[in-house]
Amino acid sequence: MNHGVFISLEGGEGCGKSSQISLLRNWLDLLWPRPVISTREPGGTIGAEEIRQLLVTGDRDRWDAVTEALLMTASRRDNVTRLIKPALDRGEAIISDRFFDSTTVYQGLVGGVEAELIATLNSRCLDQVVPDVTLLLDLDPVIGLKRVDGRGNNTETRFESKGDVFHQKVREGYLQLAKEHPERFIVIDADQNEHQVHQDIISALEPRLRALM
């Protein structure tokens, strides 16, 4: 096997990505012949985690959307060059909590950053790394934000604090992307219990993975 597989999970706040990544990694460990690694964005490496703190904490207006896109890309590049690309070159499987689709939606479609700038950042900085499959966990943002509110001592609330209208636009943006890229996206109904969401993911994902093996 000369190349690994890259799976990203996307969705609004509180859609259950962290829980599903844990379940997916356990399942994929039994299927994929090489190691399975999980990562997150922003973050995933020492430097990228430092940038994460700039992005997810503090006042909602701490940065404008262009600055967010630049910081996200800086974090993403470090994750790609130090973790994701080397792992893929070794034939391993990578599961990422968010990737460049988040920037396309949050900073681009919702934040107003020009699509040309985001495309340029991706093409120049990510060494042509693109997810093989993107799982979109679709959920009403009202439900998602209620889930987030119940987490307790969470200090990473900068994006959650941007308001209901912002998060509804995020959901619409993701669904738009999924329609534009059906060859890569799988849309999963995240308004179900954790077990059923996992089963839906496996049912949709397994045929695609076996085609890559």
Protein backbone atom coordinates (compact mmCIF):
# COMPACT_ATOMS: atom_id res chain seq x y z
CA MET A 1 0.00 0.00 0.00
CA ASN A 2 1.66 3.21 -1.21
CA HIS A 3 -0.79 5.75 0.10
CA GLY A 4 -3.03 6.09 3.11
CA VAL A 5 -6.56 7.38 3.46
CA PHE A 6 -7.64 10.79 4.74
CA ILE A 7 -11.09 11.19 6.30
CA SER A 8 -12.30 14.56 7.57
CA LEU A 9 -15.35 15.23 9.72
CA GLU A 10 -17.15 18.55 9.38
CA GLY A 11 -20.20 20.21 10.86
CA GLY A 12 -21.41 22.97 13.12
CA GLU A 13 -20.78 23.36 16.83
CA GLY A 14 -22.03 20.48 18.96
CA CYS A 15 -22.70 18.09 16.08
CA GLY A 16 -20.80 15.24 17.77
CA LYS A 17 -17.58 15.07 15.76
CA SER A 18 -15.34 14.18 18.72
CA SER A 19 -17.49 11.24 19.80
CA GLN A 20 -17.82 9.92 16.27
CA ILE A 21 -14.08 10.23 15.62
CA SER A 22 -13.38 8.04 18.65
CA LEU A 23 -15.87 5.41 17.46
CA LEU A 24 -14.65 5.63 13.87
CA ARG A 25 -11.02 5.22 14.89
CA ASN A 26 -11.81 2.06 16.86
CA TRP A 27 -13.68 0.63 13.89
CA LEU A 28 -11.05 1.64 11.36
CA ASP A 29 -8.29 0.04 13.45
CA LEU A 30 -9.89 -3.31 12.60
CA LEU A 31 -10.17 -2.59 8.88
CA TRP A 32 -7.16 -0.55 7.81
CA PRO A 33 -3.88 -2.52 7.59
CA ARG A 34 -1.67 0.34 8.80
CA PRO A 35 -1.86 2.62 11.88
CA VAL A 36 -4.86 4.93 12.31
CA ILE A 37 -4.22 8.48 13.57
CA SER A 38 -6.67 11.16 14.64
CA THR A 39 -6.04 14.90 14.64
CA ARG A 40 -8.00 18.13 14.91
CA GLU A 41 -8.22 21.64 13.55
CA PRO A 42 -7.10 24.08 14.47
CA GLY A 43 -4.40 22.05 16.18
CA GLY A 44 -2.89 18.62 15.85
CA THR A 45 0.76 19.56 16.34
CA ILE A 46 2.56 21.55 19.02
CA GLY A 47 2.72 24.72 16.93
CA ALA A 48 -0.79 24.35 15.57
CA GLU A 49 -2.19 23.92 19.08
CA GLU A 50 -0.59 27.23 20.07
CA ILE A 51 -2.34 28.90 17.14
CA ARG A 52 -5.58 27.19 18.20
CA GLN A 53 -5.62 29.14 21.44
CA LEU A 54 -5.50 32.39 19.47
CA LEU A 55 -8.50 31.33 17.43
CA VAL A 56 -10.93 29.63 19.79
CA THR A 57 -10.60 31.75 22.94
CA GLY A 58 -11.28 35.40 23.66
CA ASP A 59 -13.88 37.85 22.39
CA ARG A 60 -15.94 36.93 19.33
CA ASP A 61 -14.59 40.00 17.51
CA ARG A 62 -10.95 39.33 18.42
CA TRP A 63 -10.09 38.75 14.73
CA ASP A 64 -11.78 39.57 11.45
CA ALA A 65 -12.52 36.77 8.98
CA VAL A 66 -9.41 37.35 6.84
CA THR A 67 -7.13 37.13 9.88
CA GLU A 68 -8.96 33.98 10.98
CA ALA A 69 -8.41 32.43 7.54
CA LEU A 70 -4.68 33.22 7.68
CA LEU A 71 -4.32 31.81 11.20
CA MET A 72 -6.33 28.71 10.30
CA THR A 73 -4.13 28.12 7.26
CA ALA A 74 -0.93 28.56 9.28
CA SER A 75 -2.18 25.99 11.79
CA ARG A 76 -3.33 23.68 8.99
CA ARG A 77 -0.02 23.83 7.15
CA ASP A 78 1.89 22.80 10.26
CA ASN A 79 -0.52 19.90 10.76
CA VAL A 80 -0.19 18.86 7.10
CA THR A 81 3.59 19.03 6.86
CA ARG A 82 4.42 17.53 10.25
CA LEU A 83 1.64 14.98 10.73
CA ILE A 84 -0.91 14.39 7.97
CA LYS A 85 1.22 14.14 4.81
CA PRO A 86 3.97 11.99 6.35
CA ALA A 87 1.34 9.60 7.72
CA LEU A 88 -0.40 9.34 4.34
CA ASP A 89 2.94 8.69 2.65
CA ARG A 90 3.43 5.76 5.04
CA GLY A 91 0.05 4.32 4.07
CA GLU A 92 -1.63 5.18 7.34
CA ALA A 93 -5.20 6.39 7.91
CA ILE A 94 -5.85 9.93 9.15
CA ILE A 95 -9.13 11.06 10.72
CA SER A 96 -9.35 14.81 11.18
CA ASP A 97 -11.81 16.87 13.18
CA ARG A 98 -12.21 19.56 10.49
CA PHE A 99 -10.00 20.49 7.53
CA PHE A 100 -10.08 23.18 4.84
CA ASP A 101 -13.87 22.94 4.34
CA SER A 102 -14.26 24.66 7.71
CA THR A 103 -12.38 27.69 6.45
CA THR A 104 -14.37 27.68 3.21
CA VAL A 105 -17.58 27.83 5.26
CA TYR A 106 -16.78 29.78 8.43
CA GLN A 107 -14.46 32.42 7.00
CA GLY A 108 -15.53 32.25 3.35
CA LEU A 109 -19.22 31.62 2.77
CA VAL A 110 -20.25 33.06 6.13
CA GLY A 111 -17.40 35.44 6.99
CA GLY A 112 -17.18 36.98 3.54
CA VAL A 113 -13.55 36.19 2.67
CA GLU A 114 -13.16 35.99 -1.10
CA ALA A 115 -13.24 32.46 -2.49
CA GLU A 116 -10.16 33.27 -4.58
CA LEU A 117 -8.10 34.04 -1.47
CA ILE A 118 -9.15 30.85 0.28
CA ALA A 119 -8.44 28.80 -2.85
CA THR A 120 -5.00 30.40 -3.12
CA LEU A 121 -4.20 29.65 0.53
CA ASN A 122 -5.21 26.02 0.03
CA SER A 123 -3.30 25.54 -3.22
CA ARG A 124 -0.10 27.23 -2.02
CA CYS A 125 0.06 25.94 1.56
CA LEU A 126 -1.39 22.43 1.80
CA ASP A 127 0.87 20.45 -0.56
CA GLN A 128 -2.17 19.22 -2.52
CA VAL A 129 -3.53 17.30 0.46
CA VAL A 130 -7.30 16.79 0.08
CA PRO A 131 -9.54 14.45 2.12
CA ASP A 132 -10.56 11.26 0.34
CA VAL A 133 -13.89 11.37 2.17
CA THR A 134 -15.57 14.16 4.13
CA LEU A 135 -18.31 13.22 6.59
CA LEU A 136 -20.69 16.11 7.21
CA LEU A 137 -22.56 15.69 10.49
CA ASP A 138 -25.65 17.76 9.79
CA LEU A 139 -27.54 19.14 12.78
CA ASP A 140 -29.90 22.01 13.57
CA PRO A 141 -27.58 24.63 15.14
CA VAL A 142 -30.10 25.31 17.93
CA ILE A 143 -29.67 21.70 19.09
CA GLY A 144 -25.90 21.82 18.61
CA LEU A 145 -25.43 24.98 20.63
CA LYS A 146 -27.53 23.53 23.47
CA ARG A 147 -25.19 20.55 23.53
CA VAL A 148 -22.19 22.87 23.72
CA ASP A 149 -23.75 24.83 26.58
CA GLY A 150 -23.95 21.64 28.60
CA ARG A 151 -20.24 20.90 28.45
CA GLY A 152 -19.40 22.83 31.61
CA ASN A 153 -15.90 24.26 31.98
CA ASN A 154 -15.32 24.92 28.29
CA THR A 155 -13.19 28.01 27.55
CA GLU A 156 -13.04 27.47 23.78
CA THR A 157 -16.28 29.33 23.10
CA ARG A 158 -15.26 32.11 20.71
CA PHE A 159 -17.04 30.67 17.68
CA GLU A 160 -20.01 29.40 19.66
CA SER A 161 -20.63 32.99 20.82
CA LYS A 162 -21.13 34.32 17.28
CA GLY A 163 -24.91 33.88 17.48
CA ASP A 164 -27.77 31.85 16.03
CA VAL A 165 -27.85 33.57 12.63
CA PHE A 166 -24.13 32.93 12.11
CA HIS A 167 -24.49 29.24 12.92
CA GLN A 168 -27.54 28.80 10.70
CA LYS A 169 -25.48 30.22 7.83
CA VAL A 170 -22.71 27.77 8.72
CA ARG A 171 -25.12 24.87 8.36
CA GLU A 172 -26.39 26.19 5.03
CA GLY A 173 -22.83 26.68 3.83
CA TYR A 174 -21.86 23.11 4.61
CA LEU A 175 -24.91 21.72 2.84
CA GLN A 176 -24.06 23.86 -0.17
CA LEU A 177 -20.52 22.44 -0.23
CA ALA A 178 -21.85 18.90 0.02
CA LYS A 179 -24.05 19.47 -3.03
CA GLU A 180 -21.12 20.91 -4.96
CA HIS A 181 -18.78 18.01 -4.09
CA PRO A 182 -20.89 14.83 -3.89
CA GLU A 183 -17.88 12.70 -4.90
CA ARG A 184 -16.20 13.55 -1.57
CA PHE A 185 -18.98 14.42 0.90
CA ILE A 186 -21.23 12.05 2.81
CA VAL A 187 -24.03 13.82 4.70
CA ILE A 188 -25.02 12.15 7.98
CA ASP A 189 -28.08 13.04 10.06
CA ALA A 190 -26.52 13.92 13.43
CA ASP A 191 -29.87 14.39 15.18
CA GLN A 192 -29.89 10.75 16.32
CA ASN A 193 -28.36 8.81 19.16
CA GLU A 194 -24.60 8.31 19.05
CA HIS A 195 -24.82 4.63 18.11
CA GLN A 196 -27.14 5.22 15.15
CA VAL A 197 -24.97 8.05 13.82
CA HIS A 198 -21.96 5.72 13.99
CA GLN A 199 -23.84 2.97 12.16
CA ASP A 200 -24.89 5.40 9.43
CA ILE A 201 -21.28 6.52 9.04
CA ILE A 202 -19.99 2.96 8.73
CA SER A 203 -22.69 1.95 6.25
CA ALA A 204 -21.84 4.86 3.96
CA LEU A 205 -18.09 4.83 4.48
CA GLU A 206 -17.14 1.16 4.26
CA PRO A 207 -17.75 0.73 0.50
CA ARG A 208 -15.64 3.79 -0.26
CA LEU A 209 -12.79 2.61 1.95
CA ARG A 210 -12.73 -0.87 0.48
CA ALA A 211 -12.47 0.70 -2.97
CA LEU A 212 -9.32 2.51 -1.81
CA MET A 213 -7.65 -0.57 -0.32
